[in-house]
């Protein structure tokens, strides 16, 4: 029904909600041995990625890359699509163009999450307009390579800009590119959406990628979210792509990684 992937990253990644961090091949091997079909890759600096070496490792374990996550570029370097510093905004666009270049041979999506910035001290209308301009530039690069960008609503404690699915849809319609779609994340939705299932139905066919984490950012099944209901709605709206776990490594990376796949497969078996 849905394929399952785990977000993985380098040891130095400052973002806590990545269960598997370390040497890339070790993380990929672990995801493979636990039964995942894919790994979502999170890199701070796309220029440091050796794509040929990466493709060899992926081929060795027959794993796909559903998406490249870009938020570490903001957390590590402050590259932001809405920055009032033109050099940081330009660098964010350049970085996304590089992520898009990497995504093409991997047949991967590129995530537009925290790389939009936190937008503190910037009027919302101004930040929204700046993000629209930046996304138009990025979409031109994506269109030229046949890569899809996915805009992710994030909760209010991480950014002031685009917290709800409704707001993300407004941006997608404003940019009006076939290469811009939505990423929905159950953790953020639990904070921002009145009813998660209704928001999923609202987004419908525009959903191209799904992040899963429970209400407390732990592995699915370790909080209070009703994943049977959520996955049922995804099935009903025709979503057939990856569920990608972006979770805290609690109580430890192996337990969190194993618990995720066991729980989600149990839920899917009942749908």
Protein backbone atom coordinates (compact mmCIF):
# COMPACT_ATOMS: atom_id res chain seq x y z
CA UNK A 1 0.00 0.00 0.00
CA UNK A 2 2.63 2.52 1.12
CA UNK A 3 6.40 2.13 1.01
CA UNK A 4 8.33 2.97 4.17
CA UNK A 5 11.49 5.04 4.53
CA UNK A 6 13.58 6.42 7.37
CA UNK A 7 15.23 9.84 7.40
CA UNK A 8 19.00 9.43 7.77
CA UNK A 9 21.82 11.94 8.08
CA UNK A 10 25.44 12.55 8.97
CA UNK A 11 26.66 12.36 12.55
CA UNK A 12 27.16 16.14 12.73
CA UNK A 13 23.53 16.97 11.89
CA UNK A 14 22.20 19.37 14.54
CA UNK A 15 18.55 18.41 14.03
CA UNK A 16 17.46 16.02 16.79
CA UNK A 17 14.53 14.34 15.02
CA UNK A 18 16.60 11.99 12.90
CA UNK A 19 16.74 8.46 14.26
CA UNK A 20 19.68 7.28 12.16
CA UNK A 21 22.81 9.44 12.09
CA UNK A 22 26.40 8.51 11.38
CA UNK A 23 28.40 7.08 8.50
CA UNK A 24 26.07 7.08 5.53
CA UNK A 25 26.63 3.47 4.53
CA UNK A 26 26.02 2.27 8.09
CA UNK A 27 22.70 4.14 8.25
CA UNK A 28 21.59 2.81 4.88
CA UNK A 29 22.58 -0.74 5.83
CA UNK A 30 20.60 -0.51 9.06
CA UNK A 31 17.49 0.74 7.26
CA UNK A 32 17.84 -2.12 4.79
CA UNK A 33 18.28 -4.82 7.45
CA UNK A 34 15.17 -3.59 9.28
CA UNK A 35 13.08 -3.87 6.12
CA UNK A 36 12.73 -0.31 4.86
CA UNK A 37 12.33 0.23 1.13
CA UNK A 38 13.87 3.70 1.12
CA UNK A 39 15.95 6.27 2.93
CA UNK A 40 15.23 9.99 2.94
CA UNK A 41 18.58 11.75 2.92
CA UNK A 42 19.19 14.89 4.97
CA UNK A 43 22.40 16.77 4.15
CA UNK A 44 23.46 20.27 5.31
CA UNK A 45 25.64 20.94 2.27
CA UNK A 46 24.64 19.44 -1.09
CA UNK A 47 28.00 20.32 -2.63
CA UNK A 48 29.68 17.80 -0.33
CA UNK A 49 27.61 14.86 -1.63
CA UNK A 50 29.43 12.35 -3.86
CA UNK A 51 26.52 11.23 -6.00
CA UNK A 52 28.35 8.34 -7.67
CA UNK A 53 29.44 6.90 -4.32
CA UNK A 54 25.94 7.40 -2.95
CA UNK A 55 24.34 5.59 -5.89
CA UNK A 56 26.72 2.64 -5.43
CA UNK A 57 25.74 2.28 -1.78
CA UNK A 58 22.04 2.49 -2.61
CA UNK A 59 22.43 -0.11 -5.35
CA UNK A 60 24.23 -2.46 -2.94
CA UNK A 61 21.15 -2.44 -0.67
CA UNK A 62 18.50 -1.95 -3.37
CA UNK A 63 17.04 1.09 -1.60
CA UNK A 64 15.26 4.09 -3.10
CA UNK A 65 15.56 7.73 -2.07
CA UNK A 66 12.04 9.16 -1.91
CA UNK A 67 13.25 12.65 -0.98
CA UNK A 68 16.19 14.89 -0.17
CA UNK A 69 15.64 16.97 2.96
CA UNK A 70 17.10 20.49 2.96
CA UNK A 71 16.35 21.94 6.41
CA UNK A 72 19.86 21.34 7.71
CA UNK A 73 21.09 23.98 5.24
CA UNK A 74 19.23 26.53 7.33
CA UNK A 75 20.16 25.07 10.70
CA UNK A 76 23.85 24.78 9.85
CA UNK A 77 24.39 27.84 7.60
CA UNK A 78 21.25 30.05 7.91
CA UNK A 79 20.61 29.82 4.17
CA UNK A 80 17.00 30.96 3.88
CA UNK A 81 14.56 31.55 1.03
CA UNK A 82 13.05 34.50 2.94
CA UNK A 83 16.16 36.04 4.47
CA UNK A 84 16.43 39.83 4.46
CA UNK A 85 20.14 39.25 3.78
CA UNK A 86 20.25 38.88 -0.01
CA UNK A 87 23.43 36.80 0.14
CA UNK A 88 21.78 34.20 2.41
CA UNK A 89 18.68 34.12 0.22
CA UNK A 90 20.79 33.67 -2.93
CA UNK A 91 22.78 30.90 -1.25
CA UNK A 92 19.56 29.10 -0.30
CA UNK A 93 18.39 29.21 -3.92
CA UNK A 94 21.78 28.01 -5.15
CA UNK A 95 21.71 25.19 -2.59
CA UNK A 96 18.25 24.13 -3.71
CA UNK A 97 19.40 24.13 -7.33
CA UNK A 98 22.18 21.77 -6.26
CA UNK A 99 19.76 19.56 -4.32
CA UNK A 100 17.62 19.45 -7.47
CA UNK A 101 20.66 18.40 -9.51
CA UNK A 102 21.32 15.57 -7.03
CA UNK A 103 17.66 14.55 -6.94
CA UNK A 104 17.38 14.03 -10.69
CA UNK A 105 19.45 10.81 -10.98
CA UNK A 106 17.94 9.53 -7.71
CA UNK A 107 14.37 10.14 -8.89
CA UNK A 108 13.85 11.91 -5.57
CA UNK A 109 11.68 14.78 -4.39
CA UNK A 110 13.27 17.87 -2.80
CA UNK A 111 11.79 19.09 0.47
CA UNK A 112 11.10 22.78 1.11
CA UNK A 113 10.85 22.82 4.87
CA UNK A 114 12.89 24.92 7.27
CA UNK A 115 15.07 26.24 4.44
CA UNK A 116 12.36 28.89 4.10
CA UNK A 117 13.59 30.31 7.42
CA UNK A 118 11.98 31.08 10.75
CA UNK A 119 10.79 34.51 9.53
CA UNK A 120 11.18 36.15 12.93
CA UNK A 121 10.82 39.92 12.76
CA UNK A 122 9.61 39.85 9.14
CA UNK A 123 6.02 40.86 8.37
CA UNK A 124 4.11 37.77 7.28
CA UNK A 125 2.95 39.27 3.96
CA UNK A 126 6.49 40.28 3.07
CA UNK A 127 7.88 36.86 3.99
CA UNK A 128 5.14 35.14 1.98
CA UNK A 129 5.87 37.24 -1.10
CA UNK A 130 9.61 36.70 -0.79
CA UNK A 131 9.10 32.97 -0.46
CA UNK A 132 6.88 33.00 -3.54
CA UNK A 133 9.59 34.73 -5.57
CA UNK A 134 12.23 32.27 -4.34
CA UNK A 135 10.05 29.26 -5.08
CA UNK A 136 9.42 30.50 -8.61
CA UNK A 137 13.19 30.54 -9.19
CA UNK A 138 13.58 27.07 -7.68
CA UNK A 139 10.65 25.71 -9.68
CA UNK A 140 12.29 26.80 -12.93
CA UNK A 141 15.33 24.70 -12.00
CA UNK A 142 13.09 21.81 -10.95
CA UNK A 143 11.08 21.96 -14.17
CA UNK A 144 14.24 21.84 -16.28
CA UNK A 145 15.28 18.57 -14.60
CA UNK A 146 11.88 16.97 -14.07
CA UNK A 147 12.17 17.11 -10.27
CA UNK A 148 9.27 17.79 -7.90
CA UNK A 149 9.60 20.14 -4.93
CA UNK A 150 7.41 19.51 -1.88
CA UNK A 151 6.43 22.37 0.41
CA UNK A 152 6.03 21.32 4.04
CA UNK A 153 3.82 23.15 6.55
CA UNK A 154 5.77 23.40 9.82
CA UNK A 155 4.49 24.14 13.30
CA UNK A 156 4.52 27.67 14.74
CA UNK A 157 7.41 26.91 17.10
CA UNK A 158 9.77 26.31 14.16
CA UNK A 159 8.67 29.07 11.77
CA UNK A 160 6.09 31.83 11.54
CA UNK A 161 5.45 31.17 7.84
CA UNK A 162 3.11 28.48 6.47
CA UNK A 163 2.07 26.44 9.47
CA UNK A 164 -1.10 24.86 8.08
CA UNK A 165 -2.03 22.88 4.99
CA UNK A 166 -4.44 25.64 3.94
CA UNK A 167 -1.56 28.15 3.85
CA UNK A 168 0.68 25.78 1.91
CA UNK A 169 -2.06 25.22 -0.66
CA UNK A 170 -2.34 28.98 -1.12
CA UNK A 171 1.37 29.15 -1.93
CA UNK A 172 1.24 26.17 -4.28
CA UNK A 173 -1.64 27.75 -6.19
CA UNK A 174 0.14 31.13 -6.30
CA UNK A 175 3.36 29.67 -7.72
CA UNK A 176 1.32 27.51 -10.11
CA UNK A 177 4.00 25.03 -11.14
CA UNK A 178 3.36 21.37 -11.90
CA UNK A 179 6.65 20.73 -10.07
CA UNK A 180 5.52 22.10 -6.70
CA UNK A 181 3.44 19.87 -4.45
CA UNK A 182 2.89 19.29 -0.71
CA UNK A 183 4.63 17.34 2.01
CA UNK A 184 2.46 16.71 5.07
CA UNK A 185 3.95 15.77 8.43
CA UNK A 186 1.77 14.14 11.08
CA UNK A 187 3.76 15.70 13.94
CA UNK A 188 3.28 19.26 12.67
CA UNK A 189 -0.33 18.55 11.72
CA UNK A 190 -1.08 17.39 15.27
CA UNK A 191 -0.10 20.87 16.47
CA UNK A 192 -1.61 23.02 13.74
CA UNK A 193 -4.55 21.27 12.07
CA UNK A 194 -7.95 21.18 13.83
CA UNK A 195 -8.67 17.77 12.31
CA UNK A 196 -5.79 16.02 10.57
CA UNK A 197 -8.03 13.87 8.38
CA UNK A 198 -9.94 16.90 7.06
CA UNK A 199 -6.69 18.64 6.12
CA UNK A 200 -5.47 15.56 4.29
CA UNK A 201 -8.69 15.49 2.30
CA UNK A 202 -8.32 19.21 1.55
CA UNK A 203 -4.83 18.69 0.13
CA UNK A 204 -5.86 15.54 -1.71
CA UNK A 205 -3.91 14.78 -4.88
CA UNK A 206 -1.43 17.58 -4.19
CA UNK A 207 0.20 15.48 -1.45
CA UNK A 208 3.39 14.01 -2.89
CA UNK A 209 5.22 12.98 0.30
CA UNK A 210 4.31 12.17 3.91
CA UNK A 211 6.42 12.42 7.06
CA UNK A 212 5.28 10.27 9.95
CA UNK A 213 5.97 10.80 13.64
CA UNK A 214 3.66 10.51 16.60
CA UNK A 215 2.25 13.41 18.62
CA UNK A 216 5.41 13.60 20.74
CA UNK A 217 7.82 13.22 17.77
CA UNK A 218 8.53 9.64 18.80
CA UNK A 219 8.02 6.59 16.60
CA UNK A 220 4.45 6.03 15.39
CA UNK A 221 2.58 4.13 18.09
CA UNK A 222 4.43 5.85 20.95
CA UNK A 223 2.03 8.80 21.21
CA UNK A 224 -1.68 9.44 20.81
CA UNK A 225 -2.17 9.91 17.04
CA UNK A 226 -4.72 7.65 15.34
CA UNK A 227 -2.57 6.31 12.54
CA UNK A 228 -5.20 3.85 11.38
CA UNK A 229 -7.51 6.77 10.65
CA UNK A 230 -4.74 8.86 9.08
CA UNK A 231 -3.52 6.07 6.79
CA UNK A 232 -7.10 5.20 5.85
CA UNK A 233 -7.64 8.75 4.61
CA UNK A 234 -4.35 8.67 2.68
CA UNK A 235 -5.52 5.45 1.05
CA UNK A 236 -8.92 6.96 0.26
CA UNK A 237 -7.45 10.02 -1.48
CA UNK A 238 -5.24 7.79 -3.62
CA UNK A 239 -1.87 8.47 -2.01
CA UNK A 240 0.55 5.69 -2.97
CA UNK A 241 3.99 7.08 -2.18
CA UNK A 242 6.29 6.85 0.83
CA UNK A 243 5.66 7.22 4.53
CA UNK A 244 8.98 8.61 5.72
CA UNK A 245 9.76 8.55 9.44
CA UNK A 246 11.29 11.73 10.86
CA UNK A 247 11.46 10.82 14.53
CA UNK A 248 13.49 11.23 17.69
CA UNK A 249 15.94 8.38 18.42
CA UNK A 250 14.16 7.50 21.68
CA UNK A 251 14.63 5.28 23.61
CA UNK A 252 17.52 4.55 21.21
CA UNK A 253 17.99 4.61 17.41
CA UNK A 254 17.55 0.87 16.87
CA UNK A 255 14.40 0.60 18.98
CA UNK A 256 12.81 3.66 17.37
CA UNK A 257 13.66 2.51 13.85
CA UNK A 258 12.38 -1.03 14.42
CA UNK A 259 9.24 0.11 16.28
CA UNK A 260 8.27 2.41 13.41
CA UNK A 261 8.28 -0.23 10.71
CA UNK A 262 6.63 -2.89 12.87
CA UNK A 263 3.81 -0.57 13.94
CA UNK A 264 3.13 0.91 10.49
CA UNK A 265 3.11 -2.49 8.82
CA UNK A 266 0.66 -3.73 11.44
CA UNK A 267 -1.61 -0.76 10.73
CA UNK A 268 -1.39 -1.20 6.96
CA UNK A 269 -2.30 -4.86 7.25
CA UNK A 270 -5.64 -3.81 8.75
CA UNK A 271 -6.59 -1.31 6.06
